[in-house]
Amino acid sequence: MENQTISIESLIDKLRNYGETRLELIKLKAINKSSGFVSVIVTYLVVIIILVCCFLFINIGIALLLGELLGKLYYGFFIVAAFYAVAGMILFKLKDKWIKTPVINMMLKELSD
């Protein structure tokens, strides 16, 4: 009878250790996933910021060129602004298809790998 008590206690200790080890493994996997996800987001943000800066200067150049061709500099800026207003409206109409769905898919892909 005493052997059964010792083996039950041993079994309970092993189960407790297994549960603690399993919990630690889950924590480490969560940290691994979240750190990978954050690194991807930071990388994308850096690239996007650099591209936005380049895009800004290109647009200023186009606005100045158009303004010079039309005779008044502010005409070029009005034309560029009107173009982006129209593009913004189109993008707003298609935001779910072009922005929301790809971002959700990218996030799910990064978190599920």
PDB file of N, CA and C in Angstrom:
ATOM      1  N   MET A   1       0.824  -1.194   0.000  1.00  0.00           N
ATOM      2  CA  MET A   1       0.000   0.000   0.000  1.00  0.00           C
ATOM      3  C   MET A   1       0.865   1.253   0.000  1.00  0.00           C
ATOM      4  N   GLU A   2       1.978   1.170   0.744  1.00  0.00           N
ATOM      5  CA  GLU A   2       2.872   2.318   0.825  1.00  0.00           C
ATOM      6  C   GLU A   2       3.536   2.596  -0.525  1.00  0.00           C
ATOM      7  N   ASN A   3       3.815   1.547  -1.303  1.00  0.00           N
ATOM      8  CA  ASN A   3       4.405   1.717  -2.631  1.00  0.00           C
ATOM      9  C   ASN A   3       3.453   2.464  -3.557  1.00  0.00           C
ATOM     10  N   GLN A   4       2.162   2.151  -3.444  1.00  0.00           N
ATOM     11  CA  GLN A   4       1.183   2.843  -4.283  1.00  0.00           C
ATOM     12  C   GLN A   4       1.103   4.320  -3.919  1.00  0.00           C
ATOM     13  N   THR A   5       1.190   4.637  -2.622  1.00  0.00           N
ATOM     14  CA  THR A   5       1.151   6.030  -2.181  1.00  0.00           C
ATOM     15  C   THR A   5       2.363   6.784  -2.710  1.00  0.00           C
ATOM     16  N   ILE A   6       3.522   6.147  -2.636  1.00  0.00           N
ATOM     17  CA  ILE A   6       4.742   6.787  -3.138  1.00  0.00           C
ATOM     18  C   ILE A   6       4.649   6.985  -4.644  1.00  0.00           C
ATOM     19  N   SER A   7       4.156   5.981  -5.374  1.00  0.00           N
ATOM     20  CA  SER A   7       4.052   6.143  -6.815  1.00  0.00           C
ATOM     21  C   SER A   7       2.980   7.154  -7.198  1.00  0.00           C
ATOM     22  N   ILE A   8       1.909   7.276  -6.434  1.00  0.00           N
ATOM     23  CA  ILE A   8       0.893   8.297  -6.723  1.00  0.00           C
ATOM     24  C   ILE A   8       1.477   9.683  -6.474  1.00  0.00           C
ATOM     25  N   GLU A   9       2.230   9.838  -5.372  1.00  0.00           N
ATOM     26  CA  GLU A   9       2.863  11.131  -5.096  1.00  0.00           C
ATOM     27  C   GLU A   9       3.887  11.467  -6.173  1.00  0.00           C
ATOM     28  N   SER A  10       4.638  10.470  -6.592  1.00  0.00           N
ATOM     29  CA  SER A  10       5.621  10.665  -7.661  1.00  0.00           C
ATOM     30  C   SER A  10       4.921  11.057  -8.960  1.00  0.00           C
ATOM     31  N   LEU A  11       3.813  10.400  -9.235  1.00  0.00           N
ATOM     32  CA  LEU A  11       3.039  10.709 -10.436  1.00  0.00           C
ATOM     33  C   LEU A  11       2.483  12.132 -10.374  1.00  0.00           C
ATOM     34  N   ILE A  12       1.985  12.534  -9.212  1.00  0.00           N
ATOM     35  CA  ILE A  12       1.456  13.892  -9.045  1.00  0.00           C
ATOM     36  C   ILE A  12       2.572  14.918  -9.239  1.00  0.00           C
ATOM     37  N   ASP A  13       3.757  14.651  -8.676  1.00  0.00           N
ATOM     38  CA  ASP A  13       4.894  15.560  -8.861  1.00  0.00           C
ATOM     39  C   ASP A  13       5.290  15.663 -10.334  1.00  0.00           C
ATOM     40  N   LYS A  14       5.307  14.530 -11.015  1.00  0.00           N
ATOM     41  CA  LYS A  14       5.654  14.536 -12.436  1.00  0.00           C
ATOM     42  C   LYS A  14       4.614  15.301 -13.246  1.00  0.00           C
ATOM     43  N   LEU A  15       3.335  15.133 -12.918  1.00  0.00           N
ATOM     44  CA  LEU A  15       2.278  15.874 -13.610  1.00  0.00           C
ATOM     45  C   LEU A  15       2.405  17.375 -13.363  1.00  0.00           C
ATOM     46  N   ARG A  16       2.715  17.750 -12.124  1.00  0.00           N
ATOM     47  CA  ARG A  16       2.893  19.158 -11.785  1.00  0.00           C
ATOM     48  C   ARG A  16       4.078  19.740 -12.574  1.00  0.00           C
ATOM     49  N   ASN A  17       5.187  19.009 -12.607  1.00  0.00           N
ATOM     50  CA  ASN A  17       6.358  19.450 -13.372  1.00  0.00           C
ATOM     51  C   ASN A  17       6.039  19.554 -14.860  1.00  0.00           C
ATOM     52  N   TYR A  18       5.293  18.580 -15.368  1.00  0.00           N
ATOM     53  CA  TYR A  18       4.896  18.611 -16.777  1.00  0.00           C
ATOM     54  C   TYR A  18       4.045  19.842 -17.064  1.00  0.00           C
ATOM     55  N   GLY A  19       3.085  20.131 -16.193  1.00  0.00           N
ATOM     56  CA  GLY A  19       2.224  21.302 -16.380  1.00  0.00           C
ATOM     57  C   GLY A  19       3.018  22.594 -16.349  1.00  0.00           C
ATOM     58  N   GLU A  20       3.960  22.706 -15.403  1.00  0.00           N
ATOM     59  CA  GLU A  20       4.788  23.911 -15.325  1.00  0.00           C
ATOM     60  C   GLU A  20       5.671  24.053 -16.560  1.00  0.00           C
ATOM     61  N   THR A  21       6.236  22.949 -17.014  1.00  0.00           N
ATOM     62  CA  THR A  21       7.076  22.974 -18.213  1.00  0.00           C
ATOM     63  C   THR A  21       6.259  23.348 -19.441  1.00  0.00           C
ATOM     64  N   ARG A  22       5.073  22.800 -19.525  1.00  0.00           N
ATOM     65  CA  ARG A  22       4.185  23.105 -20.660  1.00  0.00           C
ATOM     66  C   ARG A  22       3.795  24.585 -20.659  1.00  0.00           C
ATOM     67  N   LEU A  23       3.492  25.126 -19.491  1.00  0.00           N
ATOM     68  CA  LEU A  23       3.150  26.541 -19.371  1.00  0.00           C
ATOM     69  C   LEU A  23       4.329  27.416 -19.773  1.00  0.00           C
ATOM     70  N   GLU A  24       5.515  27.042 -19.352  1.00  0.00           N
ATOM     71  CA  GLU A  24       6.724  27.796 -19.719  1.00  0.00           C
ATOM     72  C   GLU A  24       6.947  27.744 -21.230  1.00  0.00           C
ATOM     73  N   LEU A  25       6.712  26.590 -21.834  1.00  0.00           N
ATOM     74  CA  LEU A  25       6.848  26.451 -23.281  1.00  0.00           C
ATOM     75  C   LEU A  25       5.855  27.348 -24.011  1.00  0.00           C
ATOM     76  N   ILE A  26       4.631  27.409 -23.537  1.00  0.00           N
ATOM     77  CA  ILE A  26       3.614  28.268 -24.151  1.00  0.00           C
ATOM     78  C   ILE A  26       4.031  29.733 -24.041  1.00  0.00           C
ATOM     79  N   LYS A  27       4.554  30.130 -22.889  1.00  0.00           N
ATOM     80  CA  LYS A  27       5.020  31.510 -22.714  1.00  0.00           C
ATOM     81  C   LYS A  27       6.149  31.834 -23.687  1.00  0.00           C
ATOM     82  N   LEU A  28       7.112  30.917 -23.813  1.00  0.00           N
ATOM     83  CA  LEU A  28       8.241  31.149 -24.711  1.00  0.00           C
ATOM     84  C   LEU A  28       7.800  31.214 -26.171  1.00  0.00           C
ATOM     85  N   LYS A  29       6.848  30.372 -26.543  1.00  0.00           N
ATOM     86  CA  LYS A  29       6.326  30.425 -27.913  1.00  0.00           C
ATOM     87  C   LYS A  29       5.606  31.744 -28.170  1.00  0.00           C
ATOM     88  N   ALA A  30       4.848  32.223 -27.193  1.00  0.00           N
ATOM     89  CA  ALA A  30       4.146  33.502 -27.343  1.00  0.00           C
ATOM     90  C   ALA A  30       5.139  34.649 -27.475  1.00  0.00           C
ATOM     91  N   ILE A  31       6.198  34.624 -26.687  1.00  0.00           N
ATOM     92  CA  ILE A  31       7.227  35.660 -26.786  1.00  0.00           C
ATOM     93  C   ILE A  31       7.900  35.606 -28.149  1.00  0.00           C
ATOM     94  N   ASN A  32       8.183  34.412 -28.631  1.00  0.00           N
ATOM     95  CA  ASN A  32       8.811  34.257 -29.938  1.00  0.00           C
ATOM     96  C   ASN A  32       7.921  34.811 -31.047  1.00  0.00           C
ATOM     97  N   LYS A  33       6.644  34.468 -31.018  1.00  0.00           N
ATOM     98  CA  LYS A  33       5.706  34.957 -32.037  1.00  0.00           C
ATOM     99  C   LYS A  33       5.577  36.471 -31.985  1.00  0.00           C
ATOM    100  N   SER A  34       5.402  37.016 -30.788  1.00  0.00           N
ATOM    101  CA  SER A  34       5.190  38.459 -30.677  1.00  0.00           C
ATOM    102  C   SER A  34       6.444  39.233 -31.055  1.00  0.00           C
ATOM    103  N   SER A  35       7.621  38.735 -30.708  1.00  0.00           N
ATOM    104  CA  SER A  35       8.842  39.449 -31.083  1.00  0.00           C
ATOM    105  C   SER A  35       9.051  39.399 -32.592  1.00  0.00           C
ATOM    106  N   GLY A  36       8.741  38.280 -33.221  1.00  0.00           N
ATOM    107  CA  GLY A  36       8.820  38.198 -34.681  1.00  0.00           C
ATOM    108  C   GLY A  36       7.844  39.143 -35.346  1.00  0.00           C
ATOM    109  N   PHE A  37       6.639  39.220 -34.808  1.00  0.00           N
ATOM    110  CA  PHE A  37       5.616  40.113 -35.357  1.00  0.00           C
ATOM    111  C   PHE A  37       6.037  41.568 -35.216  1.00  0.00           C
ATOM    112  N   VAL A  38       6.543  41.945 -34.046  1.00  0.00           N
ATOM    113  CA  VAL A  38       6.970  43.329 -33.816  1.00  0.00           C
ATOM    114  C   VAL A  38       8.132  43.683 -34.735  1.00  0.00           C
ATOM    115  N   SER A  39       9.060  42.763 -34.943  1.00  0.00           N
ATOM    116  CA  SER A  39      10.191  43.061 -35.822  1.00  0.00           C
ATOM    117  C   SER A  39       9.737  43.275 -37.262  1.00  0.00           C
ATOM    118  N   VAL A  40       8.756  42.512 -37.710  1.00  0.00           N
ATOM    119  CA  VAL A  40       8.223  42.709 -39.066  1.00  0.00           C
ATOM    120  C   VAL A  40       7.540  44.067 -39.176  1.00  0.00           C
ATOM    121  N   ILE A  41       6.751  44.438 -38.175  1.00  0.00           N
ATOM    122  CA  ILE A  41       6.057  45.726 -38.186  1.00  0.00           C
ATOM    123  C   ILE A  41       7.060  46.876 -38.196  1.00  0.00           C
ATOM    124  N   VAL A  42       8.097  46.796 -37.364  1.00  0.00           N
ATOM    125  CA  VAL A  42       9.103  47.863 -37.312  1.00  0.00           C
ATOM    126  C   VAL A  42       9.825  47.974 -38.651  1.00  0.00           C
ATOM    127  N   THR A  43      10.159  46.848 -39.258  1.00  0.00           N
ATOM    128  CA  THR A  43      10.820  46.869 -40.562  1.00  0.00           C
ATOM    129  C   THR A  43       9.941  47.536 -41.606  1.00  0.00           C
ATOM    130  N   TYR A  44       8.671  47.160 -41.650  1.00  0.00           N
ATOM    131  CA  TYR A  44       7.754  47.785 -42.600  1.00  0.00           C
ATOM    132  C   TYR A  44       7.617  49.282 -42.334  1.00  0.00           C
ATOM    133  N   LEU A  45       7.549  49.682 -41.080  1.00  0.00           N
ATOM    134  CA  LEU A  45       7.414  51.101 -40.756  1.00  0.00           C
ATOM    135  C   LEU A  45       8.625  51.902 -41.220  1.00  0.00           C
ATOM    136  N   VAL A  46       9.820  51.376 -41.023  1.00  0.00           N
ATOM    137  CA  VAL A  46      11.028  52.078 -41.464  1.00  0.00           C
ATOM    138  C   VAL A  46      11.022  52.241 -42.981  1.00  0.00           C
ATOM    139  N   VAL A  47      10.709  51.177 -43.695  1.00  0.00           N
ATOM    140  CA  VAL A  47      10.666  51.243 -45.159  1.00  0.00           C
ATOM    141  C   VAL A  47       9.591  52.225 -45.618  1.00  0.00           C
ATOM    142  N   ILE A  48       8.433  52.198 -44.985  1.00  0.00           N
ATOM    143  CA  ILE A  48       7.344  53.102 -45.363  1.00  0.00           C
ATOM    144  C   ILE A  48       7.733  54.555 -45.112  1.00  0.00           C
ATOM    145  N   ILE A  49       8.389  54.845 -44.000  1.00  0.00           N
ATOM    146  CA  ILE A  49       8.802  56.219 -43.707  1.00  0.00           C
ATOM    147  C   ILE A  49       9.794  56.716 -44.749  1.00  0.00           C
ATOM    148  N   ILE A  50      10.748  55.883 -45.133  1.00  0.00           N
ATOM    149  CA  ILE A  50      11.714  56.279 -46.161  1.00  0.00           C
ATOM    150  C   ILE A  50      11.014  56.519 -47.492  1.00  0.00           C
ATOM    151  N   LEU A  51      10.100  55.636 -47.866  1.00  0.00           N
ATOM    152  CA  LEU A  51       9.375  55.806 -49.126  1.00  0.00           C
ATOM    153  C   LEU A  51       8.495  57.053 -49.112  1.00  0.00           C
ATOM    154  N   VAL A  52       7.879  57.351 -47.986  1.00  0.00           N
ATOM    155  CA  VAL A  52       7.036  58.547 -47.882  1.00  0.00           C
ATOM    156  C   VAL A  52       7.879  59.805 -48.059  1.00  0.00           C
ATOM    157  N   CYS A  53       9.068  59.822 -47.470  1.00  0.00           N
ATOM    158  CA  CYS A  53       9.948  60.987 -47.638  1.00  0.00           C
ATOM    159  C   CYS A  53      10.337  61.169 -49.107  1.00  0.00           C
ATOM    160  N   CYS A  54      10.714  60.089 -49.771  1.00  0.00           N
ATOM    161  CA  CYS A  54      11.049  60.167 -51.200  1.00  0.00           C
ATOM    162  C   CYS A  54       9.845  60.633 -52.011  1.00  0.00           C
ATOM    163  N   PHE A  55       8.703  60.066 -51.719  1.00  0.00           N
ATOM    164  CA  PHE A  55       7.475  60.404 -52.426  1.00  0.00           C
ATOM    165  C   PHE A  55       7.116  61.877 -52.235  1.00  0.00           C
ATOM    166  N   LEU A  56       7.324  62.388 -51.037  1.00  0.00           N
ATOM    167  CA  LEU A  56       7.033  63.792 -50.744  1.00  0.00           C
ATOM    168  C   LEU A  56       7.882  64.713 -51.613  1.00  0.00           C
ATOM    169  N   PHE A  57       9.172  64.451 -51.695  1.00  0.00           N
ATOM    170  CA  PHE A  57      10.044  65.307 -52.492  1.00  0.00           C
ATOM    171  C   PHE A  57       9.750  65.188 -53.985  1.00  0.00           C
ATOM    172  N   ILE A  58       9.410  64.005 -54.439  1.00  0.00           N
ATOM    173  CA  ILE A  58       9.020  63.841 -55.846  1.00  0.00           C
ATOM    174  C   ILE A  58       7.767  64.654 -56.142  1.00  0.00           C
ATOM    175  N   ASN A  59       6.798  64.632 -55.231  1.00  0.00           N
ATOM    176  CA  ASN A  59       5.566  65.393 -55.437  1.00  0.00           C
ATOM    177  C   ASN A  59       5.804  66.898 -55.411  1.00  0.00           C
ATOM    178  N   ILE A  60       6.686  67.350 -54.551  1.00  0.00           N
ATOM    179  CA  ILE A  60       7.020  68.780 -54.540  1.00  0.00           C
ATOM    180  C   ILE A  60       7.668  69.164 -55.864  1.00  0.00           C
ATOM    181  N   GLY A  61       8.555  68.315 -56.359  1.00  0.00           N
ATOM    182  CA  GLY A  61       9.183  68.577 -57.655  1.00  0.00           C
ATOM    183  C   GLY A  61       8.172  68.618 -58.788  1.00  0.00           C
ATOM    184  N   ILE A  62       7.233  67.684 -58.787  1.00  0.00           N
ATOM    185  CA  ILE A  62       6.191  67.670 -59.824  1.00  0.00           C
ATOM    186  C   ILE A  62       5.328  68.921 -59.727  1.00  0.00           C
ATOM    187  N   ALA A  63       4.969  69.312 -58.517  1.00  0.00           N
ATOM    188  CA  ALA A  63       4.144  70.509 -58.332  1.00  0.00           C
ATOM    189  C   ALA A  63       4.885  71.749 -58.816  1.00  0.00           C
ATOM    190  N   LEU A  64       6.164  71.857 -58.511  1.00  0.00           N
ATOM    191  CA  LEU A  64       6.947  73.007 -58.979  1.00  0.00           C
ATOM    192  C   LEU A  64       7.067  73.006 -60.499  1.00  0.00           C
ATOM    193  N   LEU A  65       7.283  71.836 -61.084  1.00  0.00           N
ATOM    194  CA  LEU A  65       7.383  71.734 -62.542  1.00  0.00           C
ATOM    195  C   LEU A  65       6.073  72.133 -63.210  1.00  0.00           C
ATOM    196  N   LEU A  66       4.956  71.601 -62.718  1.00  0.00           N
ATOM    197  CA  LEU A  66       3.652  71.954 -63.288  1.00  0.00           C
ATOM    198  C   LEU A  66       3.367  73.442 -63.124  1.00  0.00           C
ATOM    199  N   GLY A  67       3.699  73.976 -61.962  1.00  0.00           N
ATOM    200  CA  GLY A  67       3.486  75.399 -61.725  1.00  0.00           C
ATOM    201  C   GLY A  67       4.304  76.260 -62.659  1.00  0.00           C
ATOM    202  N   GLU A  68       5.530  75.849 -62.915  1.00  0.00           N
ATOM    203  CA  GLU A  68       6.383  76.602 -63.832  1.00  0.00           C
ATOM    204  C   GLU A  68       5.841  76.527 -65.255  1.00  0.00           C
ATOM    205  N   LEU A  69       5.349  75.357 -65.647  1.00  0.00           N
ATOM    206  CA  LEU A  69       4.783  75.204 -66.988  1.00  0.00           C
ATOM    207  C   LEU A  69       3.495  76.009 -67.154  1.00  0.00           C
ATOM    208  N   LEU A  70       2.713  76.151 -66.082  1.00  0.00           N
ATOM    209  CA  LEU A  70       1.444  76.872 -66.146  1.00  0.00           C
ATOM    210  C   LEU A  70       1.601  78.369 -65.874  1.00  0.00           C
ATOM    211  N   GLY A  71       2.758  78.797 -65.450  1.00  0.00           N
ATOM    212  CA  GLY A  71       2.993  80.223 -65.250  1.00  0.00           C
ATOM    213  C   GLY A  71       2.944  80.670 -63.801  1.00  0.00           C
ATOM    214  N   LYS A  72       2.256  79.965 -62.945  1.00  0.00           N
ATOM    215  CA  LYS A  72       2.189  80.321 -61.522  1.00  0.00           C
ATOM    216  C   LYS A  72       2.451  79.053 -60.716  1.00  0.00           C
ATOM    217  N   LEU A  73       3.358  79.168 -59.740  1.00  0.00           N
ATOM    218  CA  LEU A  73       3.761  77.979 -58.988  1.00  0.00           C
ATOM    219  C   LEU A  73       2.603  77.332 -58.241  1.00  0.00           C
ATOM    220  N   TYR A  74       1.710  78.139 -57.698  1.00  0.00           N
ATOM    221  CA  TYR A  74       0.634  77.549 -56.890  1.00  0.00           C
ATOM    222  C   TYR A  74      -0.347  76.748 -57.730  1.00  0.00           C
ATOM    223  N   TYR A  75      -0.412  76.983 -59.044  1.00  0.00           N
ATOM    224  CA  TYR A  75      -1.252  76.142 -59.899  1.00  0.00           C
ATOM    225  C   TYR A  75      -0.780  74.680 -59.854  1.00  0.00           C
ATOM    226  N   GLY A  76       0.506  74.495 -59.881  1.00  0.00           N
ATOM    227  CA  GLY A  76       1.056  73.142 -59.824  1.00  0.00           C
ATOM    228  C   GLY A  76       0.690  72.437 -58.528  1.00  0.00           C
ATOM    229  N   PHE A  77       0.745  73.182 -57.412  1.00  0.00           N
ATOM    230  CA  PHE A  77       0.385  72.581 -56.131  1.00  0.00           C
ATOM    231  C   PHE A  77      -1.110  72.274 -56.064  1.00  0.00           C
ATOM    232  N   PHE A  78      -1.933  73.136 -56.658  1.00  0.00           N
ATOM    233  CA  PHE A  78      -3.374  72.861 -56.706  1.00  0.00           C
ATOM    234  C   PHE A  78      -3.667  71.599 -57.515  1.00  0.00           C
ATOM    235  N   ILE A  79      -2.981  71.451 -58.642  1.00  0.00           N
ATOM    236  CA  ILE A  79      -3.208  70.271 -59.485  1.00  0.00           C
ATOM    237  C   ILE A  79      -2.789  68.994 -58.752  1.00  0.00           C
ATOM    238  N   VAL A  80      -1.627  69.030 -58.107  1.00  0.00           N
ATOM    239  CA  VAL A  80      -1.161  67.855 -57.358  1.00  0.00           C
ATOM    240  C   VAL A  80      -2.118  67.552 -56.200  1.00  0.00           C
ATOM    241  N   ALA A  81      -2.586  68.588 -55.511  1.00  0.00           N
ATOM    242  CA  ALA A  81      -3.529  68.389 -54.403  1.00  0.00           C
ATOM    243  C   ALA A  81      -4.847  67.806 -54.907  1.00  0.00           C
ATOM    244  N   ALA A  82      -5.328  68.298 -56.051  1.00  0.00           N
ATOM    245  CA  ALA A  82      -6.571  67.765 -56.616  1.00  0.00           C
ATOM    246  C   ALA A  82      -6.404  66.291 -56.999  1.00  0.00           C
ATOM    247  N   PHE A  83      -5.254  65.964 -57.567  1.00  0.00           N
ATOM    248  CA  PHE A  83      -4.986  64.570 -57.917  1.00  0.00           C
ATOM    249  C   PHE A  83      -5.049  63.682 -56.677  1.00  0.00           C
ATOM    250  N   TYR A  84      -4.426  64.135 -55.585  1.00  0.00           N
ATOM    251  CA  TYR A  84      -4.431  63.321 -54.371  1.00  0.00           C
ATOM    252  C   TYR A  84      -5.788  63.302 -53.684  1.00  0.00           C
ATOM    253  N   ALA A  85      -6.574  64.331 -53.869  1.00  0.00           N
ATOM    254  CA  ALA A  85      -7.934  64.311 -53.323  1.00  0.00           C
ATOM    255  C   ALA A  85      -8.763  63.234 -54.024  1.00  0.00           C
ATOM    256  N   VAL A  86      -8.651  63.173 -55.347  1.00  0.00           N
ATOM    257  CA  VAL A  86      -9.372  62.145 -56.111  1.00  0.00           C
ATOM    258  C   VAL A  86      -8.837  60.753 -55.751  1.00  0.00           C
ATOM    259  N   ALA A  87      -7.513  60.618 -55.690  1.00  0.00           N
ATOM    260  CA  ALA A  87      -6.922  59.326 -55.333  1.00  0.00           C
ATOM    261  C   ALA A  87      -7.342  58.910 -53.922  1.00  0.00           C
ATOM    262  N   GLY A  88      -7.427  59.865 -52.997  1.00  0.00           N
ATOM    263  CA  GLY A  88      -7.855  59.567 -51.633  1.00  0.00           C
ATOM    264  C   GLY A  88      -9.293  59.086 -51.576  1.00  0.00           C
ATOM    265  N   MET A  89     -10.158  59.701 -52.383  1.00  0.00           N
ATOM    266  CA  MET A  89     -11.560  59.259 -52.412  1.00  0.00           C
ATOM    267  C   MET A  89     -11.682  57.840 -52.968  1.00  0.00           C
ATOM    268  N   ILE A  90     -10.922  57.561 -54.022  1.00  0.00           N
ATOM    269  CA  ILE A  90     -10.945  56.214 -54.601  1.00  0.00           C
ATOM    270  C   ILE A  90     -10.414  55.197 -53.591  1.00  0.00           C
ATOM    271  N   LEU A  91      -9.312  55.548 -52.928  1.00  0.00           N
ATOM    272  CA  LEU A  91      -8.732  54.654 -51.929  1.00  0.00           C
ATOM    273  C   LEU A  91      -9.683  54.430 -50.761  1.00  0.00           C
ATOM    274  N   PHE A  92     -10.411  55.472 -50.369  1.00  0.00           N
ATOM    275  CA  PHE A  92     -11.377  55.327 -49.283  1.00  0.00           C
ATOM    276  C   PHE A  92     -12.480  54.343 -49.663  1.00  0.00           C
ATOM    277  N   LYS A  93     -12.923  54.401 -50.913  1.00  0.00           N
ATOM    278  CA  LYS A  93     -13.966  53.477 -51.370  1.00  0.00           C
ATOM    279  C   LYS A  93     -13.465  52.029 -51.408  1.00  0.00           C
ATOM    280  N   LEU A  94     -12.179  51.847 -51.708  1.00  0.00           N
ATOM    281  CA  LEU A  94     -11.625  50.500 -51.869  1.00  0.00           C
ATOM    282  C   LEU A  94     -10.748  50.076 -50.694  1.00  0.00           C
ATOM    283  N   LYS A  95     -10.880  50.760 -49.550  1.00  0.00           N
ATOM    284  CA  LYS A  95      -9.977  50.515 -48.417  1.00  0.00           C
ATOM    285  C   LYS A  95     -10.051  49.091 -47.886  1.00  0.00           C
ATOM    286  N   ASP A  96     -11.222  48.494 -47.857  1.00  0.00           N
ATOM    287  CA  ASP A  96     -11.338  47.130 -47.334  1.00  0.00           C
ATOM    288  C   ASP A  96     -10.597  46.132 -48.220  1.00  0.00           C
ATOM    289  N   LYS A  97     -10.753  46.289 -49.520  1.00  0.00           N
ATOM    290  CA  LYS A  97     -10.150  45.351 -50.457  1.00  0.00           C
ATOM    291  C   LYS A  97      -8.641  45.557 -50.568  1.00  0.00           C
ATOM    292  N   TRP A  98      -8.185  46.812 -50.597  1.00  0.00           N
ATOM    293  CA  TRP A  98      -6.782  47.103 -50.859  1.00  0.00           C
ATOM    294  C   TRP A  98      -5.933  47.254 -49.600  1.00  0.00           C
ATOM    295  N   ILE A  99      -6.544  47.576 -48.467  1.00  0.00           N
ATOM    296  CA  ILE A  99      -5.750  47.825 -47.262  1.00  0.00           C
ATOM    297  C   ILE A  99      -6.093  46.839 -46.150  1.00  0.00           C
ATOM    298  N   LYS A 100      -7.356  46.801 -45.750  1.00  0.00           N
ATOM    299  CA  LYS A 100      -7.749  46.019 -44.576  1.00  0.00           C
ATOM    300  C   LYS A 100      -7.456  44.529 -44.744  1.00  0.00           C
ATOM    301  N   THR A 101      -7.902  43.941 -45.833  1.00  0.00           N
ATOM    302  CA  THR A 101      -7.723  42.506 -46.047  1.00  0.00           C
ATOM    303  C   THR A 101      -6.247  42.111 -46.151  1.00  0.00           C
ATOM    304  N   PRO A 102      -5.418  42.816 -46.953  1.00  0.00           N
ATOM    305  CA  PRO A 102      -3.995  42.438 -46.990  1.00  0.00           C
ATOM    306  C   PRO A 102      -3.283  42.594 -45.645  1.00  0.00           C
ATOM    307  N   VAL A 103      -3.631  43.634 -44.884  1.00  0.00           N
ATOM    308  CA  VAL A 103      -2.990  43.830 -43.578  1.00  0.00           C
ATOM    309  C   VAL A 103      -3.385  42.709 -42.623  1.00  0.00           C
ATOM    310  N   ILE A 104      -4.652  42.354 -42.605  1.00  0.00           N
ATOM    311  CA  ILE A 104      -5.106  41.253 -41.744  1.00  0.00           C
ATOM    312  C   ILE A 104      -4.429  39.950 -42.148  1.00  0.00           C
ATOM    313  N   ASN A 105      -4.339  39.695 -43.453  1.00  0.00           N
ATOM    314  CA  ASN A 105      -3.690  38.468 -43.921  1.00  0.00           C
ATOM    315  C   ASN A 105      -2.213  38.431 -43.534  1.00  0.00           C
ATOM    316  N   MET A 106      -1.523  39.578 -43.643  1.00  0.00           N
ATOM    317  CA  MET A 106      -0.115  39.643 -43.271  1.00  0.00           C
ATOM    318  C   MET A 106       0.063  39.388 -41.777  1.00  0.00           C
ATOM    319  N   MET A 107      -0.810  39.983 -40.964  1.00  0.00           N
ATOM    320  CA  MET A 107      -0.722  39.791 -39.518  1.00  0.00           C
ATOM    321  C   MET A 107      -0.979  38.331 -39.146  1.00  0.00           C
ATOM    322  N   LEU A 108      -1.990  37.735 -39.738  1.00  0.00           N
ATOM    323  CA  LEU A 108      -2.296  36.328 -39.450  1.00  0.00           C
ATOM    324  C   LEU A 108      -1.165  35.410 -39.899  1.00  0.00           C
ATOM    325  N   LYS A 109      -0.570  35.717 -41.052  1.00  0.00           N
ATOM    326  CA  LYS A 109       0.541  34.904 -41.547  1.00  0.00           C
ATOM    327  C   LYS A 109       1.727  34.975 -40.592  1.00  0.00           C
ATOM    328  N   GLU A 110       2.053  36.178 -40.132  1.00  0.00           N
ATOM    329  CA  GLU A 110       3.186  36.333 -39.217  1.00  0.00           C
ATOM    330  C   GLU A 110       2.927  35.660 -37.877  1.00  0.00           C
ATOM    331  N   LEU A 111       1.709  35.729 -37.393  1.00  0.00           N
ATOM    332  CA  LEU A 111       1.408  35.148 -36.090  1.00  0.00           C
ATOM    333  C   LEU A 111       1.214  33.637 -36.140  1.00  0.00           C
ATOM    334  N   SER A 112       0.880  33.100 -37.319  1.00  0.00           N
ATOM    335  CA  SER A 112       0.617  31.662 -37.398  1.00  0.00           C
ATOM    336  C   SER A 112       1.844  30.843 -37.776  1.00  0.00           C
ATOM    337  N   ASP A 113       2.891  31.478 -38.268  1.00  0.00           N
ATOM    338  CA  ASP A 113       4.110  30.720 -38.636  1.00  0.00           C
ATOM    339  C   ASP A 113       4.865  30.253 -37.429  1.00  0.00           C
TER     340      ASP A 113
END
